[in-house]
Every structure is written in C-alpha cells, then in structure tokens.
Amino acid sequence: MGAVRPSAPAASSFPLLQRWRGALSRVSLLAREITLALVLKLLLLGLIWWAFFSEPAARHMQLDPDRVQQQLLQSTSTTDAPHAKR
C-alpha cells in the first residue's frame, strides 16, 4: 500500500485567501497583466539599482561631504562667466 497523503486544508480555513481570490476574479485580465508587468519592472529596477548603484565602485574614491557642498553651493559672479560675442 502507498503512503497516505494528508489532505490539503480546505479553502474555507483561509478566509483571506478566499477574499483575494474573489477580488482577483473580478479584475479584468488586462488589469492583472498590467499589474504583473509593473511589479516585475519595479523588481528589475530595484535589482539593477542594487547591483550597480547601491554603493561606490571604489571605496577610496569617496569625497568629503563638506567639500562637495562647498563646490555645489559656490556662487559664481557674472563677471567671471564668459559672455558670447554678438
């Protein structure tokens, strides 16, 4: 005789699952496909960010935040900027 497999729990024992199944059956196929595509794209974008942009490639190339702030917020006067000749 073969091994006895336990029966799967009835769907009624998972009311949340029933609620989700009911909600998904009312949504159109197009809406489900669009939602799935958007979720997959977000996951892929997150994976790409994590793989390439989550931390600097070379740790020795980090800059001092005060120096960066000084360069970005440095005001340039209009006399220093070159003007186009007309």
N, C-alpha and C. Protein backbone atom coordinates (compact mmCIF):
# COMPACT_ATOMS: atom_id res chain seq x y z
N MET A 1 0.83 -1.18 0.00
CA MET A 1 0.00 0.00 0.00
C MET A 1 0.88 1.24 0.00
N GLY A 2 0.43 2.30 -0.66
CA GLY A 2 1.17 3.55 -0.75
C GLY A 2 1.03 4.37 0.52
N ALA A 3 1.86 5.37 0.61
CA ALA A 3 1.81 6.25 1.77
C ALA A 3 0.55 7.10 1.72
N VAL A 4 0.03 7.35 2.88
CA VAL A 4 -1.18 8.16 2.97
C VAL A 4 -0.77 9.63 3.00
N ARG A 5 -1.32 10.38 2.06
CA ARG A 5 -1.01 11.81 1.99
C ARG A 5 -2.06 12.57 2.78
N PRO A 6 -1.61 13.52 3.60
CA PRO A 6 -2.61 14.31 4.33
C PRO A 6 -3.37 15.19 3.35
N SER A 7 -4.63 15.35 3.62
CA SER A 7 -5.44 16.16 2.71
C SER A 7 -5.09 17.64 2.90
N ALA A 8 -5.20 18.38 1.82
CA ALA A 8 -4.92 19.82 1.88
C ALA A 8 -6.02 20.49 2.68
N PRO A 9 -5.67 21.54 3.42
CA PRO A 9 -6.70 22.23 4.20
C PRO A 9 -7.72 22.87 3.27
N ALA A 10 -8.92 22.88 3.73
CA ALA A 10 -10.00 23.44 2.91
C ALA A 10 -9.78 24.93 2.73
N ALA A 11 -10.25 25.45 1.62
CA ALA A 11 -10.09 26.88 1.33
C ALA A 11 -10.84 27.72 2.35
N SER A 12 -11.88 27.13 2.97
CA SER A 12 -12.65 27.89 3.95
C SER A 12 -11.84 28.17 5.21
N SER A 13 -10.74 27.44 5.42
CA SER A 13 -9.91 27.69 6.60
C SER A 13 -9.00 28.89 6.39
N PHE A 14 -8.95 29.44 5.17
CA PHE A 14 -8.15 30.62 4.87
C PHE A 14 -9.07 31.71 4.31
N PRO A 15 -9.74 32.48 5.17
CA PRO A 15 -10.68 33.48 4.66
C PRO A 15 -9.98 34.58 3.87
N LEU A 16 -8.75 34.93 4.22
CA LEU A 16 -8.03 35.96 3.48
C LEU A 16 -7.77 35.50 2.05
N LEU A 17 -7.41 34.22 1.89
CA LEU A 17 -7.17 33.67 0.56
C LEU A 17 -8.44 33.72 -0.28
N GLN A 18 -9.57 33.40 0.34
CA GLN A 18 -10.84 33.45 -0.38
C GLN A 18 -11.14 34.88 -0.81
N ARG A 19 -10.86 35.84 0.06
CA ARG A 19 -11.13 37.23 -0.27
C ARG A 19 -10.28 37.68 -1.44
N TRP A 20 -9.01 37.29 -1.45
CA TRP A 20 -8.11 37.66 -2.56
C TRP A 20 -8.55 37.00 -3.86
N ARG A 21 -8.93 35.74 -3.78
CA ARG A 21 -9.39 35.05 -4.99
C ARG A 21 -10.63 35.73 -5.57
N GLY A 22 -11.53 36.14 -4.70
CA GLY A 22 -12.73 36.83 -5.15
C GLY A 22 -12.39 38.16 -5.79
N ALA A 23 -11.47 38.90 -5.19
CA ALA A 23 -11.09 40.20 -5.73
C ALA A 23 -10.38 40.03 -7.08
N LEU A 24 -9.52 39.05 -7.19
CA LEU A 24 -8.79 38.83 -8.44
C LEU A 24 -9.70 38.36 -9.56
N SER A 25 -10.73 37.64 -9.22
CA SER A 25 -11.63 37.15 -10.29
C SER A 25 -12.47 38.28 -10.85
N ARG A 26 -12.67 39.37 -10.06
CA ARG A 26 -13.46 40.50 -10.56
C ARG A 26 -12.64 41.46 -11.40
N VAL A 27 -11.31 41.38 -11.32
CA VAL A 27 -10.44 42.27 -12.07
C VAL A 27 -10.23 41.69 -13.47
N SER A 28 -10.21 42.56 -14.45
CA SER A 28 -10.07 42.08 -15.83
C SER A 28 -8.68 41.48 -16.06
N LEU A 29 -8.58 40.69 -17.06
CA LEU A 29 -7.32 40.04 -17.41
C LEU A 29 -6.27 41.09 -17.78
N LEU A 30 -6.68 42.12 -18.50
CA LEU A 30 -5.76 43.18 -18.90
C LEU A 30 -5.19 43.89 -17.67
N ALA A 31 -6.03 44.19 -16.69
CA ALA A 31 -5.57 44.86 -15.47
C ALA A 31 -4.59 43.97 -14.71
N ARG A 32 -4.84 42.68 -14.66
CA ARG A 32 -3.91 41.76 -13.99
C ARG A 32 -2.58 41.70 -14.71
N GLU A 33 -2.61 41.67 -16.04
CA GLU A 33 -1.35 41.62 -16.81
C GLU A 33 -0.55 42.91 -16.65
N ILE A 34 -1.24 44.05 -16.66
CA ILE A 34 -0.55 45.33 -16.48
C ILE A 34 0.06 45.40 -15.09
N THR A 35 -0.69 44.99 -14.08
CA THR A 35 -0.19 45.00 -12.71
C THR A 35 1.03 44.09 -12.57
N LEU A 36 0.96 42.91 -13.14
CA LEU A 36 2.08 41.98 -13.08
C LEU A 36 3.30 42.56 -13.79
N ALA A 37 3.10 43.19 -14.94
CA ALA A 37 4.22 43.79 -15.68
C ALA A 37 4.85 44.91 -14.88
N LEU A 38 4.04 45.75 -14.24
CA LEU A 38 4.57 46.85 -13.44
C LEU A 38 5.34 46.35 -12.22
N VAL A 39 4.83 45.34 -11.58
CA VAL A 39 5.51 44.77 -10.41
C VAL A 39 6.85 44.17 -10.83
N LEU A 40 6.86 43.43 -11.94
CA LEU A 40 8.11 42.85 -12.43
C LEU A 40 9.12 43.93 -12.81
N LYS A 41 8.66 45.00 -13.44
CA LYS A 41 9.56 46.09 -13.81
C LYS A 41 10.15 46.75 -12.58
N LEU A 42 9.32 46.97 -11.56
CA LEU A 42 9.84 47.57 -10.32
C LEU A 42 10.87 46.66 -9.67
N LEU A 43 10.60 45.37 -9.67
CA LEU A 43 11.57 44.42 -9.10
C LEU A 43 12.89 44.45 -9.88
N LEU A 44 12.80 44.47 -11.20
CA LEU A 44 14.01 44.52 -12.03
C LEU A 44 14.77 45.82 -11.83
N LEU A 45 14.06 46.94 -11.75
CA LEU A 45 14.74 48.22 -11.49
C LEU A 45 15.43 48.22 -10.13
N GLY A 46 14.78 47.65 -9.14
CA GLY A 46 15.40 47.53 -7.82
C GLY A 46 16.64 46.65 -7.86
N LEU A 47 16.57 45.58 -8.60
CA LEU A 47 17.72 44.68 -8.74
C LEU A 47 18.87 45.38 -9.46
N ILE A 48 18.55 46.12 -10.52
CA ILE A 48 19.59 46.86 -11.24
C ILE A 48 20.22 47.92 -10.34
N TRP A 49 19.39 48.65 -9.58
CA TRP A 49 19.93 49.66 -8.67
C TRP A 49 20.85 49.00 -7.65
N TRP A 50 20.39 47.89 -7.07
CA TRP A 50 21.20 47.21 -6.05
C TRP A 50 22.52 46.73 -6.64
N ALA A 51 22.49 46.22 -7.85
CA ALA A 51 23.69 45.65 -8.46
C ALA A 51 24.70 46.72 -8.86
N PHE A 52 24.23 47.88 -9.34
CA PHE A 52 25.15 48.85 -9.92
C PHE A 52 25.29 50.15 -9.14
N PHE A 53 24.27 50.55 -8.37
CA PHE A 53 24.30 51.87 -7.77
C PHE A 53 24.18 51.89 -6.25
N SER A 54 24.13 50.77 -5.59
CA SER A 54 23.89 50.77 -4.16
C SER A 54 25.08 51.26 -3.35
N GLU A 55 26.26 51.15 -3.88
CA GLU A 55 27.45 51.65 -3.19
C GLU A 55 28.52 52.00 -4.21
N PRO A 56 29.47 52.85 -3.82
CA PRO A 56 30.50 53.24 -4.79
C PRO A 56 31.32 52.04 -5.25
N ALA A 57 31.74 52.10 -6.50
CA ALA A 57 32.54 51.00 -7.05
C ALA A 57 33.91 50.95 -6.38
N ALA A 58 34.50 52.12 -6.14
CA ALA A 58 35.81 52.19 -5.50
C ALA A 58 35.67 52.96 -4.19
N ARG A 59 35.86 52.29 -3.09
CA ARG A 59 35.67 52.93 -1.80
C ARG A 59 36.67 54.06 -1.57
N HIS A 60 37.85 54.00 -2.19
CA HIS A 60 38.85 55.05 -2.00
C HIS A 60 38.48 56.33 -2.73
N MET A 61 37.43 56.31 -3.54
CA MET A 61 37.06 57.48 -4.32
C MET A 61 35.93 58.28 -3.67
N GLN A 62 35.66 58.06 -2.41
CA GLN A 62 34.61 58.81 -1.73
C GLN A 62 35.10 60.22 -1.44
N LEU A 63 34.18 61.18 -1.52
CA LEU A 63 34.51 62.57 -1.29
C LEU A 63 33.97 63.03 0.05
N ASP A 64 34.62 64.03 0.61
CA ASP A 64 34.19 64.64 1.85
C ASP A 64 32.91 65.43 1.57
N PRO A 65 31.82 65.20 2.31
CA PRO A 65 30.56 65.89 2.04
C PRO A 65 30.68 67.42 2.13
N ASP A 66 31.53 67.93 3.03
CA ASP A 66 31.70 69.38 3.14
C ASP A 66 32.33 69.96 1.89
N ARG A 67 33.26 69.23 1.30
CA ARG A 67 33.91 69.70 0.07
C ARG A 67 32.92 69.72 -1.10
N VAL A 68 32.09 68.71 -1.17
CA VAL A 68 31.08 68.64 -2.23
C VAL A 68 30.09 69.79 -2.07
N GLN A 69 29.65 70.03 -0.83
CA GLN A 69 28.72 71.11 -0.57
C GLN A 69 29.33 72.46 -0.94
N GLN A 70 30.58 72.65 -0.62
CA GLN A 70 31.26 73.90 -0.95
C GLN A 70 31.30 74.11 -2.46
N GLN A 71 31.59 73.07 -3.21
CA GLN A 71 31.66 73.20 -4.67
C GLN A 71 30.29 73.44 -5.29
N LEU A 72 29.27 72.77 -4.77
CA LEU A 72 27.93 72.90 -5.35
C LEU A 72 27.28 74.24 -5.01
N LEU A 73 27.53 74.73 -3.81
CA LEU A 73 26.88 75.95 -3.37
C LEU A 73 27.73 77.20 -3.61
N GLN A 74 28.86 77.01 -4.25
CA GLN A 74 29.75 78.13 -4.52
C GLN A 74 29.08 79.05 -5.53
N SER A 75 28.98 80.35 -5.18
CA SER A 75 28.33 81.29 -6.10
C SER A 75 29.37 81.83 -7.07
N THR A 76 28.96 81.92 -8.32
CA THR A 76 29.85 82.49 -9.33
C THR A 76 29.31 83.85 -9.70
N SER A 77 30.16 84.82 -9.75
CA SER A 77 29.71 86.16 -10.13
C SER A 77 29.54 86.23 -11.64
N THR A 78 28.78 87.19 -12.10
CA THR A 78 28.52 87.31 -13.53
C THR A 78 29.73 87.80 -14.27
N THR A 79 30.69 88.43 -13.58
CA THR A 79 31.89 88.90 -14.26
C THR A 79 32.83 87.76 -14.57
N ASP A 80 32.75 86.68 -13.80
CA ASP A 80 33.62 85.52 -14.03
C ASP A 80 33.14 84.68 -15.20
N ALA A 81 31.85 84.72 -15.46
CA ALA A 81 31.29 83.87 -16.51
C ALA A 81 31.56 84.50 -17.87
N PRO A 82 32.02 83.74 -18.83
CA PRO A 82 32.27 84.30 -20.16
C PRO A 82 30.94 84.59 -20.87
N HIS A 83 30.97 85.65 -21.65
CA HIS A 83 29.77 86.03 -22.39
C HIS A 83 30.00 85.78 -23.88
N ALA A 84 28.96 85.48 -24.56
CA ALA A 84 29.07 85.26 -26.01
C ALA A 84 29.19 86.60 -26.72
N LYS A 85 30.02 86.64 -27.72
CA LYS A 85 30.17 87.87 -28.50
C LYS A 85 29.05 87.93 -29.52
N ARG A 86 28.49 89.09 -29.67
CA ARG A 86 27.38 89.26 -30.61
C ARG A 86 27.82 90.03 -31.80
